[in-house]
C-alpha atoms as a PDB file:
ATOM      1  CA  MET A   1     -19.764  -3.474 -11.398  1.00  0.00           C
ATOM      2  CA  ARG A   2     -17.804  -1.952  -8.707  1.00  0.00           C
ATOM      3  CA  ASP A   3     -18.042   1.980  -8.306  1.00  0.00           C
ATOM      4  CA  GLU A   4     -14.958   2.459  -6.639  1.00  0.00           C
ATOM      5  CA  ILE A   5     -11.273   0.099  -7.496  1.00  0.00           C
ATOM      6  CA  ASP A   6      -8.142   0.064  -5.402  1.00  0.00           C
ATOM      7  CA  PHE A   7      -4.569   0.628  -7.267  1.00  0.00           C
ATOM      8  CA  ILE A   8      -2.631  -1.431  -5.356  1.00  0.00           C
ATOM      9  CA  PHE A   9       1.692  -0.517  -5.900  1.00  0.00           C
ATOM     10  CA  MET A  10       3.808  -3.261  -5.597  1.00  0.00           C
ATOM     11  CA  LEU A  11       7.383  -3.031  -4.833  1.00  0.00           C
ATOM     12  CA  THR A  12       8.017  -6.009  -7.189  1.00  0.00           C
ATOM     13  CA  ARG A  13       9.578  -7.156 -10.465  1.00  0.00           C
ATOM     14  CA  ASP A  14       8.972 -10.749 -11.393  1.00  0.00           C
ATOM     15  CA  ASP A  15       7.327 -11.468  -8.414  1.00  0.00           C
ATOM     16  CA  ARG A  16      10.334 -10.498  -6.117  1.00  0.00           C
ATOM     17  CA  THR A  17      10.515  -7.314  -3.848  1.00  0.00           C
ATOM     18  CA  VAL A  18      13.224  -5.499  -5.625  1.00  0.00           C
ATOM     19  CA  ALA A  19      16.424  -3.963  -3.885  1.00  0.00           C
ATOM     20  CA  ASP A  20      15.798  -0.454  -4.335  1.00  0.00           C
ATOM     21  CA  ALA A  21      12.097  -1.171  -3.334  1.00  0.00           C
ATOM     22  CA  ALA A  22      12.851   2.001  -0.534  1.00  0.00           C
ATOM     23  CA  SER A  23      13.426   4.166  -2.797  1.00  0.00           C
ATOM     24  CA  HIS A  24      10.621   3.351  -5.298  1.00  0.00           C
ATOM     25  CA  LEU A  25       7.734   3.976  -2.318  1.00  0.00           C
ATOM     26  CA  GLU A  26       8.988   7.325  -1.384  1.00  0.00           C
ATOM     27  CA  THR A  27       7.724   7.791  -5.154  1.00  0.00           C
ATOM     28  CA  ALA A  28       4.778   6.116  -4.537  1.00  0.00           C
ATOM     29  CA  LEU A  29       3.735   8.358  -1.014  1.00  0.00           C
ATOM     30  CA  ALA A  30       4.726  11.571  -3.439  1.00  0.00           C
ATOM     31  CA  ALA A  31       2.530  10.291  -6.207  1.00  0.00           C
ATOM     32  CA  GLY A  32      -0.050  10.158  -3.798  1.00  0.00           C
ATOM     33  CA  ILE A  33      -0.575   6.558  -4.428  1.00  0.00           C
ATOM     34  CA  ARG A  34      -1.926   4.891  -0.358  1.00  0.00           C
ATOM     35  CA  HIS A  35      -2.046   0.940  -1.452  1.00  0.00           C
ATOM     36  CA  ILE A  36       1.309  -0.254  -0.993  1.00  0.00           C
ATOM     37  CA  GLY A  37       2.591  -3.397  -0.938  1.00  0.00           C
ATOM     38  CA  PHE A  38       5.601  -6.291  -1.169  1.00  0.00           C
ATOM     39  CA  LYS A  39       6.164  -9.731  -1.817  1.00  0.00           C
ATOM     40  CA  ASP A  40       7.769 -12.340   0.923  1.00  0.00           C
ATOM     41  CA  ILE A  41      10.627 -12.938  -1.291  1.00  0.00           C
ATOM     42  CA  GLY A  42      13.629 -10.383  -2.497  1.00  0.00           C
ATOM     43  CA  LEU A  43      14.384  -8.768   0.790  1.00  0.00           C
ATOM     44  CA  PRO A  44      15.568  -9.751   4.275  1.00  0.00           C
ATOM     45  CA  PHE A  45      13.097  -9.128   7.249  1.00  0.00           C
ATOM     46  CA  GLU A  46      15.343  -5.587   8.209  1.00  0.00           C
ATOM     47  CA  ASP A  47      14.236  -4.117   4.932  1.00  0.00           C
ATOM     48  CA  LEU A  48      10.587  -5.386   4.816  1.00  0.00           C
ATOM     49  CA  ALA A  49       9.867  -4.222   8.189  1.00  0.00           C
ATOM     50  CA  ALA A  50      11.394  -0.495   7.049  1.00  0.00           C
ATOM     51  CA  LEU A  51       9.082  -0.620   4.278  1.00  0.00           C
ATOM     52  CA  THR A  52       6.084  -1.184   6.297  1.00  0.00           C
ATOM     53  CA  ALA A  53       6.693   1.002   9.185  1.00  0.00           C
ATOM     54  CA  ARG A  54       7.250   3.696   6.429  1.00  0.00           C
ATOM     55  CA  ILE A  55       3.750   2.993   4.307  1.00  0.00           C
ATOM     56  CA  ARG A  56       2.366   3.041   7.366  1.00  0.00           C
ATOM     57  CA  SER A  57       3.414   6.226   8.736  1.00  0.00           C
ATOM     58  CA  ALA A  58       2.434   7.633   5.855  1.00  0.00           C
ATOM     59  CA  GLY A  59      -0.643   6.609   6.277  1.00  0.00           C
ATOM     60  CA  ALA A  60      -1.317   4.178   3.422  1.00  0.00           C
ATOM     61  CA  THR A  61      -1.555   0.373   3.613  1.00  0.00           C
ATOM     62  CA  ALA A  62       0.858  -2.094   3.731  1.00  0.00           C
ATOM     63  CA  TYR A  63       0.349  -5.511   2.396  1.00  0.00           C
ATOM     64  CA  LEU A  64       2.471  -8.318   1.683  1.00  0.00           C
ATOM     65  CA  GLU A  65       1.652 -10.892  -1.293  1.00  0.00           C
ATOM     66  CA  VAL A  66       3.112 -14.636  -0.055  1.00  0.00           C
ATOM     67  CA  VAL A  67       5.008 -16.088  -3.404  1.00  0.00           C
ATOM     68  CA  SER A  68       6.044 -19.179  -1.137  1.00  0.00           C
ATOM     69  CA  LEU A  69       3.514 -21.864  -2.071  1.00  0.00           C
ATOM     70  CA  ASP A  70       4.732 -25.009  -0.403  1.00  0.00           C
ATOM     71  CA  ARG A  71       3.228 -25.168   3.266  1.00  0.00           C
ATOM     72  CA  PRO A  72       6.395 -24.190   5.536  1.00  0.00           C
ATOM     73  CA  GLY A  73       7.043 -20.816   3.522  1.00  0.00           C
ATOM     74  CA  GLU A  74       3.829 -20.229   3.583  1.00  0.00           C
ATOM     75  CA  ILE A  75       3.323 -20.384   7.279  1.00  0.00           C
ATOM     76  CA  ALA A  76       6.573 -18.425   7.837  1.00  0.00           C
ATOM     77  CA  SER A  77       5.898 -15.805   5.634  1.00  0.00           C
ATOM     78  CA  VAL A  78       2.452 -15.515   7.005  1.00  0.00           C
ATOM     79  CA  LYS A  79       4.100 -15.496  10.307  1.00  0.00           C
ATOM     80  CA  ALA A  80       6.483 -12.789   9.028  1.00  0.00           C
ATOM     81  CA  GLY A  81       3.556 -10.690   7.736  1.00  0.00           C
ATOM     82  CA  ILE A  82       1.978 -10.362  11.300  1.00  0.00           C
ATOM     83  CA  GLY A  83       5.621  -9.377  12.788  1.00  0.00           C
ATOM     84  CA  LEU A  84       5.605  -6.831  10.107  1.00  0.00           C
ATOM     85  CA  ASN A  85       2.288  -5.428  11.227  1.00  0.00           C
ATOM     86  CA  VAL A  86       0.854  -5.295   7.598  1.00  0.00           C
ATOM     87  CA  ASP A  87      -2.721  -4.396   7.070  1.00  0.00           C
ATOM     88  CA  ARG A  88      -3.341  -7.372   4.643  1.00  0.00           C
ATOM     89  CA  ILE A  89      -1.986 -10.666   3.343  1.00  0.00           C
ATOM     90  CA  LEU A  90      -2.481 -11.555  -0.368  1.00  0.00           C
ATOM     91  CA  GLY A  91      -1.869 -14.667  -1.678  1.00  0.00           C
ATOM     92  CA  GLY A  92      -0.780 -18.473  -0.602  1.00  0.00           C
ATOM     93  CA  VAL A  93      -2.755 -21.353  -0.762  1.00  0.00           C
ATOM     94  CA  HIS A  94      -2.880 -23.298   2.280  1.00  0.00           C
ATOM     95  CA  VAL A  95      -6.307 -21.729   4.144  1.00  0.00           C
ATOM     96  CA  GLU A  96      -6.753 -24.168   7.048  1.00  0.00           C
ATOM     97  CA  ASP A  97      -2.615 -23.255   8.555  1.00  0.00           C
ATOM     98  CA  VAL A  98      -3.138 -19.601   7.839  1.00  0.00           C
ATOM     99  CA  LEU A  99      -6.604 -19.109   9.220  1.00  0.00           C
ATOM    100  CA  PRO A 100      -5.847 -20.030  12.729  1.00  0.00           C
ATOM    101  CA  LEU A 101      -2.745 -17.639  12.884  1.00  0.00           C
ATOM    102  CA  ILE A 102      -3.915 -14.606  12.118  1.00  0.00           C
ATOM    103  CA  GLN A 103      -7.780 -15.494  13.766  1.00  0.00           C
ATOM    104  CA  HIS A 104      -6.470 -12.737  16.740  1.00  0.00           C
ATOM    105  CA  THR A 105      -5.093 -10.010  14.493  1.00  0.00           C
ATOM    106  CA  ALA A 106      -6.891  -7.119  12.178  1.00  0.00           C
ATOM    107  CA  ILE A 107      -4.898  -8.509   9.304  1.00  0.00           C
ATOM    108  CA  GLY A 108      -7.022  -8.957   6.213  1.00  0.00           C
ATOM    109  CA  TYR A 109      -6.440 -12.093   4.171  1.00  0.00           C
ATOM    110  CA  TYR A 110      -7.062 -12.393   0.757  1.00  0.00           C
ATOM    111  CA  PRO A 111      -5.723 -16.110  -0.550  1.00  0.00           C
ATOM    112  CA  PHE A 112      -5.280 -17.367  -4.091  1.00  0.00           C
ATOM    113  CA  ALA A 113      -8.432 -18.945  -5.561  1.00  0.00           C
ATOM    114  CA  GLY A 114      -7.836 -22.089  -7.628  1.00  0.00           C
ATOM    115  CA  GLN A 115      -4.526 -24.215  -8.402  1.00  0.00           C
ATOM    116  CA  VAL A 116      -1.044 -21.945  -8.224  1.00  0.00           C
ATOM    117  CA  ARG A 117       1.946 -22.967  -9.531  1.00  0.00           C
ATOM    118  CA  GLY A 118       5.769 -22.267 -10.191  1.00  0.00           C
ATOM    119  CA  HIS A 119       7.837 -18.787  -9.816  1.00  0.00           C
ATOM    120  CA  PRO A 120       6.486 -16.417 -11.154  1.00  0.00           C
ATOM    121  CA  SER A 121       3.111 -18.096 -10.580  1.00  0.00           C
ATOM    122  CA  LEU A 122       0.529 -19.650 -12.790  1.00  0.00           C
ATOM    123  CA  LEU A 123      -3.300 -19.955 -12.436  1.00  0.00           C
ATOM    124  CA  GLU A 124      -3.971 -23.541 -13.745  1.00  0.00           C
ATOM    125  CA  GLY A 125      -8.024 -24.979 -13.971  1.00  0.00           C
ATOM    126  CA  SER A 126     -11.020 -24.347 -15.640  1.00  0.00           C
ATOM    127  CA  HIS A 127     -13.298 -20.998 -14.954  1.00  0.00           C
ATOM    128  CA  ALA A 128     -15.695 -23.159 -13.280  1.00  0.00           C
ATOM    129  CA  GLU A 129     -12.867 -24.782 -11.312  1.00  0.00           C
ATOM    130  CA  ILE A 130     -11.072 -21.451 -10.011  1.00  0.00           C
ATOM    131  CA  ALA A 131     -14.712 -19.946  -9.273  1.00  0.00           C
ATOM    132  CA  GLY A 132     -15.793 -23.317  -7.248  1.00  0.00           C
ATOM    133  CA  SER A 133     -12.266 -22.470  -5.573  1.00  0.00           C
ATOM    134  CA  ALA A 134     -13.000 -19.274  -4.523  1.00  0.00           C
ATOM    135  CA  ALA A 135     -16.122 -19.867  -3.284  1.00  0.00           C
ATOM    136  CA  ALA A 136     -15.627 -22.367  -0.643  1.00  0.00           C
ATOM    137  CA  LEU A 137     -12.470 -20.133   0.267  1.00  0.00           C
ATOM    138  CA  THR A 138     -14.798 -16.916   1.100  1.00  0.00           C
ATOM    139  CA  ARG A 139     -17.242 -18.868   2.894  1.00  0.00           C
ATOM    140  CA  HIS A 140     -14.477 -18.948   5.823  1.00  0.00           C
ATOM    141  CA  GLU A 141     -15.194 -16.049   7.957  1.00  0.00           C
ATOM    142  CA  GLY A 142     -11.844 -15.124   8.565  1.00  0.00           C
ATOM    143  CA  VAL A 143     -11.487 -14.890   4.799  1.00  0.00           C
ATOM    144  CA  SER A 144     -11.559 -11.549   4.296  1.00  0.00           C
ATOM    145  CA  GLY A 145     -11.371 -11.766  -0.195  1.00  0.00           C
ATOM    146  CA  ILE A 146      -9.948 -13.541  -2.849  1.00  0.00           C
ATOM    147  CA  ASP A 147      -5.965 -13.023  -4.511  1.00  0.00           C
ATOM    148  CA  LEU A 148      -7.254 -13.669  -8.478  1.00  0.00           C
ATOM    149  CA  LEU A 149      -4.061 -14.509 -11.367  1.00  0.00           C
ATOM    150  CA  ALA A 150      -6.276 -13.945 -14.106  1.00  0.00           C
ATOM    151  CA  TRP A 151      -4.082 -12.928 -16.743  1.00  0.00           C
ATOM    152  CA  ARG A 152      -1.632 -15.815 -15.724  1.00  0.00           C
ATOM    153  CA  SER A 153      -4.453 -18.155 -16.492  1.00  0.00           C
ATOM    154  CA  ARG A 154      -5.475 -19.235 -19.965  1.00  0.00           C
ATOM    155  CA  GLY A 155      -8.316 -18.157 -21.633  1.00  0.00           C
ATOM    156  CA  ASP A 156     -10.650 -15.100 -21.212  1.00  0.00           C
ATOM    157  CA  ALA A 157      -9.376 -13.066 -17.967  1.00  0.00           C
ATOM    158  CA  PRO A 158     -11.939 -10.589 -17.781  1.00  0.00           C
ATOM    159  CA  ALA A 159     -14.528 -13.795 -18.120  1.00  0.00           C
ATOM    160  CA  LEU A 160     -12.624 -15.130 -15.361  1.00  0.00           C
ATOM    161  CA  ILE A 161     -13.204 -12.564 -12.991  1.00  0.00           C
ATOM    162  CA  ASP A 162     -16.640 -12.126 -13.608  1.00  0.00           C
ATOM    163  CA  ALA A 163     -17.156 -15.883 -13.146  1.00  0.00           C
ATOM    164  CA  VAL A 164     -15.095 -15.143  -9.514  1.00  0.00           C
ATOM    165  CA  CYS A 165     -17.141 -11.880  -8.475  1.00  0.00           C
ATOM    166  CA  ARG A 166     -20.277 -13.646  -9.089  1.00  0.00           C
ATOM    167  CA  VAL A 167     -19.857 -16.492  -6.768  1.00  0.00           C
ATOM    168  CA  THR A 168     -18.901 -13.723  -3.775  1.00  0.00           C
ATOM    169  CA  ASP A 169     -19.576 -10.957  -2.539  1.00  0.00           C
ATOM    170  CA  LYS A 170     -16.134 -10.182  -0.676  1.00  0.00           C
ATOM    171  CA  PRO A 171     -13.663  -8.202  -2.738  1.00  0.00           C
ATOM    172  CA  VAL A 172     -11.913  -9.547  -5.889  1.00  0.00           C
ATOM    173  CA  ILE A 173      -7.720  -8.266  -6.122  1.00  0.00           C
ATOM    174  CA  VAL A 174      -6.834  -8.864  -8.953  1.00  0.00           C
ATOM    175  CA  ALA A 175      -2.698  -9.756  -9.453  1.00  0.00           C
ATOM    176  CA  GLY A 176      -0.017 -10.295 -11.835  1.00  0.00           C
ATOM    177  CA  SER A 177       0.425  -9.268 -15.848  1.00  0.00           C
ATOM    178  CA  ILE A 178      -1.415  -5.691 -15.370  1.00  0.00           C
ATOM    179  CA  ASP A 179       0.038  -3.477 -18.086  1.00  0.00           C
ATOM    180  CA  SER A 180      -2.388  -1.468 -19.352  1.00  0.00           C
ATOM    181  CA  PRO A 181      -5.561   0.881 -19.269  1.00  0.00           C
ATOM    182  CA  GLY A 182      -7.752  -1.406 -20.985  1.00  0.00           C
ATOM    183  CA  ARG A 183      -6.677  -4.256 -18.533  1.00  0.00           C
ATOM    184  CA  ILE A 184      -7.581  -2.265 -15.485  1.00  0.00           C
ATOM    185  CA  GLY A 185     -11.017  -0.957 -17.355  1.00  0.00           C
ATOM    186  CA  SER A 186     -11.576  -4.536 -18.166  1.00  0.00           C
ATOM    187  CA  LEU A 187     -11.283  -6.021 -14.785  1.00  0.00           C
ATOM    188  CA  ARG A 188     -13.458  -3.320 -12.805  1.00  0.00           C
ATOM    189  CA  ALA A 189     -16.040  -3.932 -15.558  1.00  0.00           C
ATOM    190  CA  ALA A 190     -16.381  -7.225 -14.291  1.00  0.00           C
ATOM    191  CA  GLY A 191     -16.554  -6.566 -10.819  1.00  0.00           C
ATOM    192  CA  ALA A 192     -13.348  -6.419  -9.291  1.00  0.00           C
ATOM    193  CA  ALA A 193     -12.375  -4.314  -6.143  1.00  0.00           C
ATOM    194  CA  GLY A 194      -8.579  -3.584  -6.633  1.00  0.00           C
ATOM    195  CA  PHE A 195      -5.681  -4.447  -8.841  1.00  0.00           C
ATOM    196  CA  THR A 196      -1.969  -4.879  -8.173  1.00  0.00           C
ATOM    197  CA  VAL A 197       0.738  -3.527 -10.319  1.00  0.00           C
ATOM    198  CA  GLY A 198       4.256  -3.618 -10.240  1.00  0.00           C
ATOM    199  CA  THR A 199       6.356  -4.681 -12.930  1.00  0.00           C
ATOM    200  CA  ALA A 200       4.878  -3.155 -15.805  1.00  0.00           C
ATOM    201  CA  ALA A 201       4.982   0.397 -13.355  1.00  0.00           C
ATOM    202  CA  LEU A 202       8.444  -0.437 -12.946  1.00  0.00           C
ATOM    203  CA  GLU A 203       9.504  -1.183 -16.622  1.00  0.00           C
ATOM    204  CA  GLY A 204       7.620   2.089 -17.628  1.00  0.00           C
ATOM    205  CA  ARG A 205       5.224  -0.272 -19.660  1.00  0.00           C
ATOM    206  CA  PHE A 206       1.817   1.935 -19.711  1.00  0.00           C
ATOM    207  CA  PRO A 207       1.070   5.160 -22.226  1.00  0.00           C
ATOM    208  CA  ALA A 208       2.599   8.048 -20.216  1.00  0.00           C
ATOM    209  CA  PRO A 209       4.622  11.051 -20.732  1.00  0.00           C
ATOM    210  CA  SER A 210       8.268   8.961 -19.687  1.00  0.00           C
ATOM    211  CA  THR A 211       8.764   5.725 -18.120  1.00  0.00           C
ATOM    212  CA  ALA A 212       9.894   7.229 -15.171  1.00  0.00           C
ATOM    213  CA  LEU A 213       8.047   5.679 -11.971  1.00  0.00           C
ATOM    214  CA  ALA A 214       5.893   9.096 -10.847  1.00  0.00           C
ATOM    215  CA  ASP A 215       4.731   9.217 -14.794  1.00  0.00           C
ATOM    216  CA  GLN A 216       4.122   5.733 -14.800  1.00  0.00           C
ATOM    217  CA  LEU A 217       2.010   6.023 -11.203  1.00  0.00           C
ATOM    218  CA  SER A 218      -0.023   8.993 -12.707  1.00  0.00           C
ATOM    219  CA  ALA A 219      -0.791   7.245 -15.525  1.00  0.00           C
ATOM    220  CA  ILE A 220      -2.099   3.824 -13.549  1.00  0.00           C
ATOM    221  CA  ALA A 221      -3.917   5.906 -10.950  1.00  0.00           C
ATOM    222  CA  SER A 222      -5.417   8.425 -14.180  1.00  0.00           C
ATOM    223  CA  ALA A 223      -6.293   4.499 -15.961  1.00  0.00           C
ATOM    224  CA  ALA A 224      -8.216   3.479 -12.343  1.00  0.00           C
ATOM    225  CA  GLY A 225      -9.848   6.932 -11.765  1.00  0.00           C
ATOM    226  CA  ALA A 226     -11.126   7.024 -15.290  1.00  0.00           C
ATOM    227  CA  ALA A 227     -12.370   3.034 -15.042  1.00  0.00           C
ATOM    228  CA  ARG A 228     -14.058   4.337 -11.217  1.00  0.00           C
ATOM    229  CA  PHE A 229     -16.220   6.430 -13.086  1.00  0.00           C
ATOM    230  CA  ALA A 230     -16.841   5.357 -16.364  1.00  0.00           C
ATOM    231  CA  GLY A 231     -20.170   4.065 -17.932  1.00  0.00           C
END
């Protein structure tokens, strides 16, 4: 069980960066959120560059999660992430193509484990197959950790997280469909190093004083803090 877990707020809804991401970013920074990301779909490069610059100027960590799963699209997205000077790239499946692109950068790289299909992305395969994929990926020196779509898969998501965390010492970030304090607690108990929330916060799904984003972020951060120090 991890002693620390990072809450990564994604400026996204349904796997797309939202049009009003800049406004939501200011709300997140004012709320003290210091891990903030966006997807490679939804806004033009210039807007993503402005988001990245603002995140980094505030002393926060900037994440780009790759949604494009075709090889040319993924390579283009990674090159965009390098050009944006993000701190971490999440997702993608073409690891052998990406590693040479980032080898001389300081970017942390967390590709998807398992077979990922469609948009919004779904994770296919058995727990053993997904864990085997994670083990193989994290043997690469340039792979910093794993992006795991645990609640976008079939079966017991916490058991899948546990299976993946058992095969690697590198961080596992759980992404997609995390919409309750219970899920945050279970992913932390299973050994995850962090998690992303986008749609659920923007749509006001977490139990909080209101559906306003500031209240949602506070509730999620509190749930992460409770998970961090529980047990």
